[in-house]
Amino acid sequence: MENLEEKLSTIYLVNGQTALQYLMNVSKKYRQIATEAIFECLRLGYPLNDMEISGKARELLRKRNVIG
């Protein structure tokens, strides 16, 4: 877990906030999917802002609900 926290503390969103700071403001219920969304946005080259992260999180949840 600490390794993940270290990674998240080195990733910066467009607004200058770290990904870890961003996730601390997300409901615990959604932190896991938001974390996955951040890494997916990075992989796809999307800007790291709330709109992109929350949109990707919703997309990931929809895919899970269809599969699961």
N, C-alpha and C. Protein backbone atom coordinates (compact mmCIF):
# COMPACT_ATOMS: atom_id res chain seq x y z
N MET A 1 0.82 -1.20 0.00
CA MET A 1 0.00 0.00 0.00
C MET A 1 0.87 1.26 0.00
N GLU A 2 1.93 1.24 0.76
CA GLU A 2 2.79 2.41 0.84
C GLU A 2 3.39 2.74 -0.52
N ASN A 3 3.75 1.72 -1.30
CA ASN A 3 4.31 1.95 -2.62
C ASN A 3 3.29 2.68 -3.50
N LEU A 4 2.03 2.29 -3.41
CA LEU A 4 0.98 2.95 -4.18
C LEU A 4 0.83 4.40 -3.71
N GLU A 5 0.85 4.62 -2.41
CA GLU A 5 0.75 5.97 -1.87
C GLU A 5 1.92 6.83 -2.33
N GLU A 6 3.11 6.25 -2.39
CA GLU A 6 4.28 6.98 -2.87
C GLU A 6 4.09 7.38 -4.33
N LYS A 7 3.62 6.46 -5.15
CA LYS A 7 3.37 6.77 -6.56
C LYS A 7 2.35 7.88 -6.69
N LEU A 8 1.25 7.76 -5.95
CA LEU A 8 0.19 8.75 -6.03
C LEU A 8 0.64 10.13 -5.56
N SER A 9 1.60 10.16 -4.65
CA SER A 9 2.08 11.46 -4.15
C SER A 9 3.03 12.13 -5.14
N THR A 10 3.45 11.41 -6.18
CA THR A 10 4.34 12.00 -7.19
C THR A 10 3.60 12.33 -8.49
N ILE A 11 2.32 12.04 -8.54
CA ILE A 11 1.50 12.33 -9.73
C ILE A 11 0.74 13.62 -9.45
N TYR A 12 0.87 14.58 -10.35
CA TYR A 12 0.21 15.87 -10.16
C TYR A 12 -0.93 16.07 -11.14
N LEU A 13 -2.05 16.55 -10.61
CA LEU A 13 -3.19 16.90 -11.43
C LEU A 13 -2.96 18.28 -12.05
N VAL A 14 -3.78 18.62 -12.99
CA VAL A 14 -3.68 19.90 -13.69
C VAL A 14 -3.71 21.08 -12.71
N ASN A 15 -4.48 20.95 -11.63
CA ASN A 15 -4.62 22.05 -10.66
C ASN A 15 -3.47 22.14 -9.66
N GLY A 16 -2.45 21.29 -9.79
CA GLY A 16 -1.29 21.32 -8.91
C GLY A 16 -1.40 20.41 -7.70
N GLN A 17 -2.55 19.83 -7.49
CA GLN A 17 -2.79 18.91 -6.39
C GLN A 17 -2.20 17.55 -6.74
N THR A 18 -1.70 16.82 -5.73
CA THR A 18 -1.22 15.47 -6.01
C THR A 18 -2.42 14.53 -6.13
N ALA A 19 -2.20 13.41 -6.80
CA ALA A 19 -3.26 12.42 -6.93
C ALA A 19 -3.68 11.90 -5.55
N LEU A 20 -2.73 11.78 -4.65
CA LEU A 20 -3.05 11.32 -3.29
C LEU A 20 -3.96 12.32 -2.58
N GLN A 21 -3.67 13.61 -2.71
CA GLN A 21 -4.53 14.64 -2.12
C GLN A 21 -5.93 14.58 -2.74
N TYR A 22 -5.99 14.40 -4.04
CA TYR A 22 -7.28 14.30 -4.73
C TYR A 22 -8.08 13.13 -4.17
N LEU A 23 -7.43 11.98 -4.03
CA LEU A 23 -8.13 10.78 -3.56
C LEU A 23 -8.59 10.90 -2.12
N MET A 24 -7.88 11.66 -1.30
CA MET A 24 -8.30 11.84 0.09
C MET A 24 -9.61 12.63 0.17
N ASN A 25 -9.94 13.37 -0.89
CA ASN A 25 -11.19 14.14 -0.93
C ASN A 25 -12.32 13.37 -1.61
N VAL A 26 -12.02 12.16 -2.08
CA VAL A 26 -13.03 11.31 -2.71
C VAL A 26 -13.61 10.40 -1.63
N SER A 27 -14.90 10.15 -1.70
CA SER A 27 -15.55 9.24 -0.75
C SER A 27 -14.81 7.90 -0.73
N LYS A 28 -14.65 7.32 0.45
CA LYS A 28 -13.96 6.03 0.58
C LYS A 28 -14.56 4.98 -0.34
N LYS A 29 -15.85 5.08 -0.55
CA LYS A 29 -16.57 4.13 -1.39
C LYS A 29 -16.02 4.13 -2.83
N TYR A 30 -15.54 5.29 -3.29
CA TYR A 30 -15.10 5.43 -4.68
C TYR A 30 -13.59 5.57 -4.86
N ARG A 31 -12.82 5.48 -3.80
CA ARG A 31 -11.37 5.69 -3.92
C ARG A 31 -10.69 4.66 -4.82
N GLN A 32 -11.09 3.41 -4.72
CA GLN A 32 -10.46 2.36 -5.52
C GLN A 32 -10.67 2.62 -7.01
N ILE A 33 -11.92 2.89 -7.40
CA ILE A 33 -12.21 3.11 -8.81
C ILE A 33 -11.59 4.43 -9.29
N ALA A 34 -11.53 5.43 -8.41
CA ALA A 34 -10.89 6.70 -8.78
C ALA A 34 -9.39 6.50 -8.98
N THR A 35 -8.78 5.67 -8.15
CA THR A 35 -7.36 5.36 -8.30
C THR A 35 -7.11 4.68 -9.64
N GLU A 36 -7.94 3.70 -9.96
CA GLU A 36 -7.81 3.02 -11.25
C GLU A 36 -8.01 4.01 -12.40
N ALA A 37 -8.95 4.92 -12.24
CA ALA A 37 -9.22 5.91 -13.28
C ALA A 37 -8.02 6.83 -13.50
N ILE A 38 -7.34 7.20 -12.43
CA ILE A 38 -6.14 8.06 -12.55
C ILE A 38 -5.08 7.34 -13.38
N PHE A 39 -4.82 6.09 -13.06
CA PHE A 39 -3.80 5.36 -13.80
C PHE A 39 -4.22 5.10 -15.25
N GLU A 40 -5.51 4.91 -15.48
CA GLU A 40 -6.01 4.72 -16.84
C GLU A 40 -5.88 6.03 -17.64
N CYS A 41 -6.17 7.16 -17.01
CA CYS A 41 -6.00 8.46 -17.67
C CYS A 41 -4.53 8.68 -18.03
N LEU A 42 -3.64 8.33 -17.12
CA LEU A 42 -2.21 8.45 -17.41
C LEU A 42 -1.82 7.58 -18.59
N ARG A 43 -2.30 6.35 -18.59
CA ARG A 43 -1.97 5.41 -19.66
C ARG A 43 -2.45 5.94 -21.01
N LEU A 44 -3.63 6.55 -21.02
CA LEU A 44 -4.22 7.04 -22.26
C LEU A 44 -3.74 8.43 -22.66
N GLY A 45 -2.99 9.08 -21.77
CA GLY A 45 -2.48 10.42 -22.07
C GLY A 45 -3.50 11.52 -21.86
N TYR A 46 -4.55 11.25 -21.09
CA TYR A 46 -5.57 12.25 -20.81
C TYR A 46 -5.06 13.23 -19.75
N PRO A 47 -5.51 14.47 -19.79
CA PRO A 47 -5.12 15.40 -18.73
C PRO A 47 -5.72 14.96 -17.40
N LEU A 48 -4.98 15.12 -16.34
CA LEU A 48 -5.48 14.71 -15.03
C LEU A 48 -6.24 15.86 -14.39
N ASN A 49 -7.53 15.88 -14.63
CA ASN A 49 -8.42 16.83 -13.96
C ASN A 49 -9.66 16.07 -13.51
N ASP A 50 -10.47 16.72 -12.70
CA ASP A 50 -11.62 16.04 -12.11
C ASP A 50 -12.57 15.49 -13.17
N MET A 51 -12.78 16.26 -14.23
CA MET A 51 -13.70 15.81 -15.28
C MET A 51 -13.22 14.53 -15.94
N GLU A 52 -11.95 14.46 -16.31
CA GLU A 52 -11.41 13.26 -16.96
C GLU A 52 -11.40 12.07 -16.01
N ILE A 53 -10.99 12.30 -14.77
CA ILE A 53 -10.90 11.21 -13.80
C ILE A 53 -12.29 10.66 -13.47
N SER A 54 -13.24 11.55 -13.20
CA SER A 54 -14.58 11.06 -12.85
C SER A 54 -15.26 10.42 -14.06
N GLY A 55 -15.02 10.94 -15.25
CA GLY A 55 -15.58 10.33 -16.45
C GLY A 55 -15.03 8.94 -16.68
N LYS A 56 -13.73 8.78 -16.51
CA LYS A 56 -13.11 7.47 -16.68
C LYS A 56 -13.58 6.51 -15.58
N ALA A 57 -13.75 7.01 -14.37
CA ALA A 57 -14.24 6.16 -13.27
C ALA A 57 -15.65 5.65 -13.58
N ARG A 58 -16.51 6.54 -14.09
CA ARG A 58 -17.87 6.11 -14.46
C ARG A 58 -17.82 5.06 -15.56
N GLU A 59 -16.95 5.27 -16.54
CA GLU A 59 -16.81 4.30 -17.63
C GLU A 59 -16.36 2.94 -17.10
N LEU A 60 -15.38 2.94 -16.20
CA LEU A 60 -14.89 1.69 -15.62
C LEU A 60 -15.99 0.99 -14.81
N LEU A 61 -16.78 1.77 -14.06
CA LEU A 61 -17.88 1.19 -13.30
C LEU A 61 -18.93 0.58 -14.21
N ARG A 62 -19.26 1.27 -15.31
CA ARG A 62 -20.23 0.73 -16.26
C ARG A 62 -19.74 -0.60 -16.84
N LYS A 63 -18.47 -0.65 -17.20
CA LYS A 63 -17.91 -1.88 -17.77
C LYS A 63 -17.98 -3.02 -16.74
N ARG A 64 -17.70 -2.71 -15.49
CA ARG A 64 -17.75 -3.74 -14.44
C ARG A 64 -19.18 -4.23 -14.23
N ASN A 65 -20.12 -3.32 -14.25
CA ASN A 65 -21.52 -3.69 -14.02
C ASN A 65 -22.06 -4.54 -15.15
N VAL A 66 -21.59 -4.31 -16.37
CA VAL A 66 -22.02 -5.12 -17.52
C VAL A 66 -21.43 -6.51 -17.41
N ILE A 67 -20.15 -6.57 -17.04
CA ILE A 67 -19.44 -7.86 -16.94
C ILE A 67 -19.91 -8.61 -15.69
N GLY A 68 -19.96 -7.92 -14.56
CA GLY A 68 -20.28 -8.57 -13.29
C GLY A 68 -21.73 -8.67 -13.10
